[in-house]
Amino acid sequence: QVQLVESGGGLVQPGGSLRLSCVASASMFSFNAMGWYRQAPGKQRELVAAISSGGIPSTYADSVKGRFTISRDNAKYTVYLQMNSLKPEDTAVYYCNAANPSLGWSPIRNDWGQGTQVTVSS
């Protein structure tokens, strides 16, 4: 049973911004680190950013450092990804999942939500 709902994607010009949201079930969200992952056409899914259950620490892929910010609202079971200075290479479907900090912030669950499409193009 899918327990993740991502939203906030869209079409944006290079240099633009988007804010993604992911609402998770309480059982998944509570006490778990959460991560954002993305999958571009023809490529493997990769970690974009992750945040611990308490908000610190967090981690970012080198390609998004300084441009993306991950945050979470534990009261709303929601994790956010603020994406600034977007580039065409950020185009992908973005997913969230619970993450395991002890295993390189790898996703915990094998089932995923529908994701949200981000397209960066002029």
Protein backbone atom coordinates (compact mmCIF):
# COMPACT_ATOMS: atom_id res chain seq x y z
CA GLN A 1 0.00 0.00 0.00
CA VAL A 2 1.47 3.31 -1.12
CA GLN A 3 1.92 5.69 1.76
CA LEU A 4 3.59 8.56 -0.04
CA VAL A 5 2.06 11.42 -2.03
CA GLU A 6 4.40 13.78 -3.86
CA SER A 7 3.34 17.10 -5.40
CA GLY A 8 4.64 20.44 -6.57
CA GLY A 9 6.36 19.55 -9.79
CA GLY A 10 5.88 21.31 -13.08
CA LEU A 11 7.52 23.01 -16.03
CA VAL A 12 9.95 25.78 -15.15
CA GLN A 13 12.56 27.75 -17.04
CA PRO A 14 16.25 27.41 -16.26
CA GLY A 15 17.08 29.47 -13.21
CA GLY A 16 13.59 29.11 -11.82
CA SER A 17 12.37 27.59 -8.57
CA LEU A 18 9.96 24.93 -7.40
CA ARG A 19 8.95 23.59 -4.01
CA LEU A 20 8.10 19.91 -3.80
CA SER A 21 6.05 18.39 -1.01
CA CYS A 22 5.67 14.81 0.11
CA VAL A 23 3.04 13.70 2.59
CA ALA A 24 3.75 10.36 4.20
CA SER A 25 1.79 8.13 6.50
CA ALA A 26 2.44 8.64 10.18
CA SER A 27 3.92 5.16 10.51
CA MET A 28 6.44 5.84 7.78
CA PHE A 29 7.29 9.39 8.74
CA SER A 30 7.68 9.15 12.46
CA PHE A 31 11.19 8.31 13.69
CA ASN A 32 12.46 7.90 10.12
CA ALA A 33 14.86 9.90 8.07
CA MET A 34 13.26 10.95 4.80
CA GLY A 35 14.82 11.37 1.41
CA TRP A 36 14.08 12.83 -2.00
CA TYR A 37 15.15 10.78 -4.97
CA ARG A 38 14.88 11.39 -8.70
CA GLN A 39 14.90 9.37 -11.86
CA ALA A 40 15.60 10.85 -15.26
CA PRO A 41 14.72 8.99 -18.46
CA GLY A 42 17.15 6.17 -19.11
CA LYS A 43 18.92 6.65 -15.78
CA GLN A 44 18.84 4.97 -12.42
CA ARG A 45 17.03 6.52 -9.49
CA GLU A 46 19.42 8.61 -7.41
CA LEU A 47 19.43 10.31 -4.05
CA VAL A 48 18.90 14.06 -4.21
CA ALA A 49 18.70 15.00 -0.54
CA ALA A 50 17.82 13.44 2.79
CA ILE A 51 17.09 14.63 6.29
CA SER A 52 17.19 12.85 9.63
CA SER A 53 14.11 12.40 11.78
CA GLY A 54 15.07 15.36 13.95
CA GLY A 55 16.05 17.60 11.06
CA ILE A 56 19.80 17.40 11.60
CA PRO A 57 21.83 16.14 9.85
CA SER A 58 20.91 16.35 6.22
CA THR A 59 22.74 15.41 3.07
CA TYR A 60 22.72 16.51 -0.55
CA ALA A 61 23.95 15.15 -3.84
CA ASP A 62 26.92 17.17 -5.06
CA SER A 63 24.96 18.25 -8.11
CA VAL A 64 22.35 20.08 -6.04
CA LYS A 65 24.38 21.45 -3.14
CA GLY A 66 23.80 25.15 -2.65
CA ARG A 67 20.68 25.09 -4.82
CA PHE A 68 18.29 22.69 -3.08
CA THR A 69 17.13 22.65 0.53
CA ILE A 70 15.35 19.79 2.24
CA SER A 71 13.16 20.35 5.29
CA ARG A 72 10.42 18.56 7.18
CA ASP A 73 7.37 19.33 9.26
CA ASN A 74 6.91 16.43 11.66
CA ALA A 75 3.48 17.65 12.76
CA LYS A 76 2.24 17.41 9.16
CA TYR A 77 4.17 14.25 8.20
CA THR A 78 5.51 16.26 5.30
CA VAL A 79 8.95 16.64 3.78
CA TYR A 80 9.79 19.48 1.40
CA LEU A 81 12.37 20.11 -1.26
CA GLN A 82 13.00 23.73 -2.17
CA MET A 83 14.71 23.81 -5.54
CA ASN A 84 16.32 27.02 -6.73
CA SER A 85 18.48 27.87 -9.75
CA LEU A 86 17.07 24.90 -11.59
CA LYS A 87 18.98 23.47 -14.53
CA PRO A 88 17.84 21.33 -17.46
CA GLU A 89 19.74 18.41 -15.94
CA ASP A 90 17.42 18.55 -12.94
CA THR A 91 14.62 17.29 -15.17
CA ALA A 92 13.32 14.04 -13.70
CA VAL A 93 10.51 12.44 -11.77
CA TYR A 94 11.04 13.18 -8.10
CA TYR A 95 10.07 10.72 -5.39
CA CYS A 96 10.27 10.62 -1.62
CA ASN A 97 10.79 7.67 0.67
CA ALA A 98 11.94 6.86 4.14
CA ALA A 99 15.75 6.74 4.13
CA ASN A 100 18.36 4.73 6.01
CA PRO A 101 21.23 6.99 7.16
CA SER A 102 23.32 3.94 8.02
CA LEU A 103 23.14 2.70 4.44
CA GLY A 104 24.02 5.82 2.51
CA TRP A 105 20.50 7.23 2.94
CA SER A 106 19.18 4.47 0.72
CA PRO A 107 15.39 4.13 0.46
CA ILE A 108 13.78 1.87 3.02
CA ARG A 109 10.62 0.86 1.21
CA ASN A 110 10.44 -0.95 -2.11
CA ASP A 111 7.11 0.60 -3.05
CA TRP A 112 7.03 4.19 -4.23
CA GLY A 113 4.47 6.90 -4.72
CA GLN A 114 3.57 8.24 -8.14
CA GLY A 115 6.29 10.86 -8.00
CA THR A 116 6.08 14.38 -9.35
CA GLN A 117 7.50 15.43 -12.70
CA VAL A 118 9.94 18.31 -12.81
CA THR A 119 10.83 19.65 -16.24
CA VAL A 120 13.36 22.43 -16.64
CA SER A 121 13.29 23.84 -20.12
CA SER A 122 13.17 27.13 -21.97
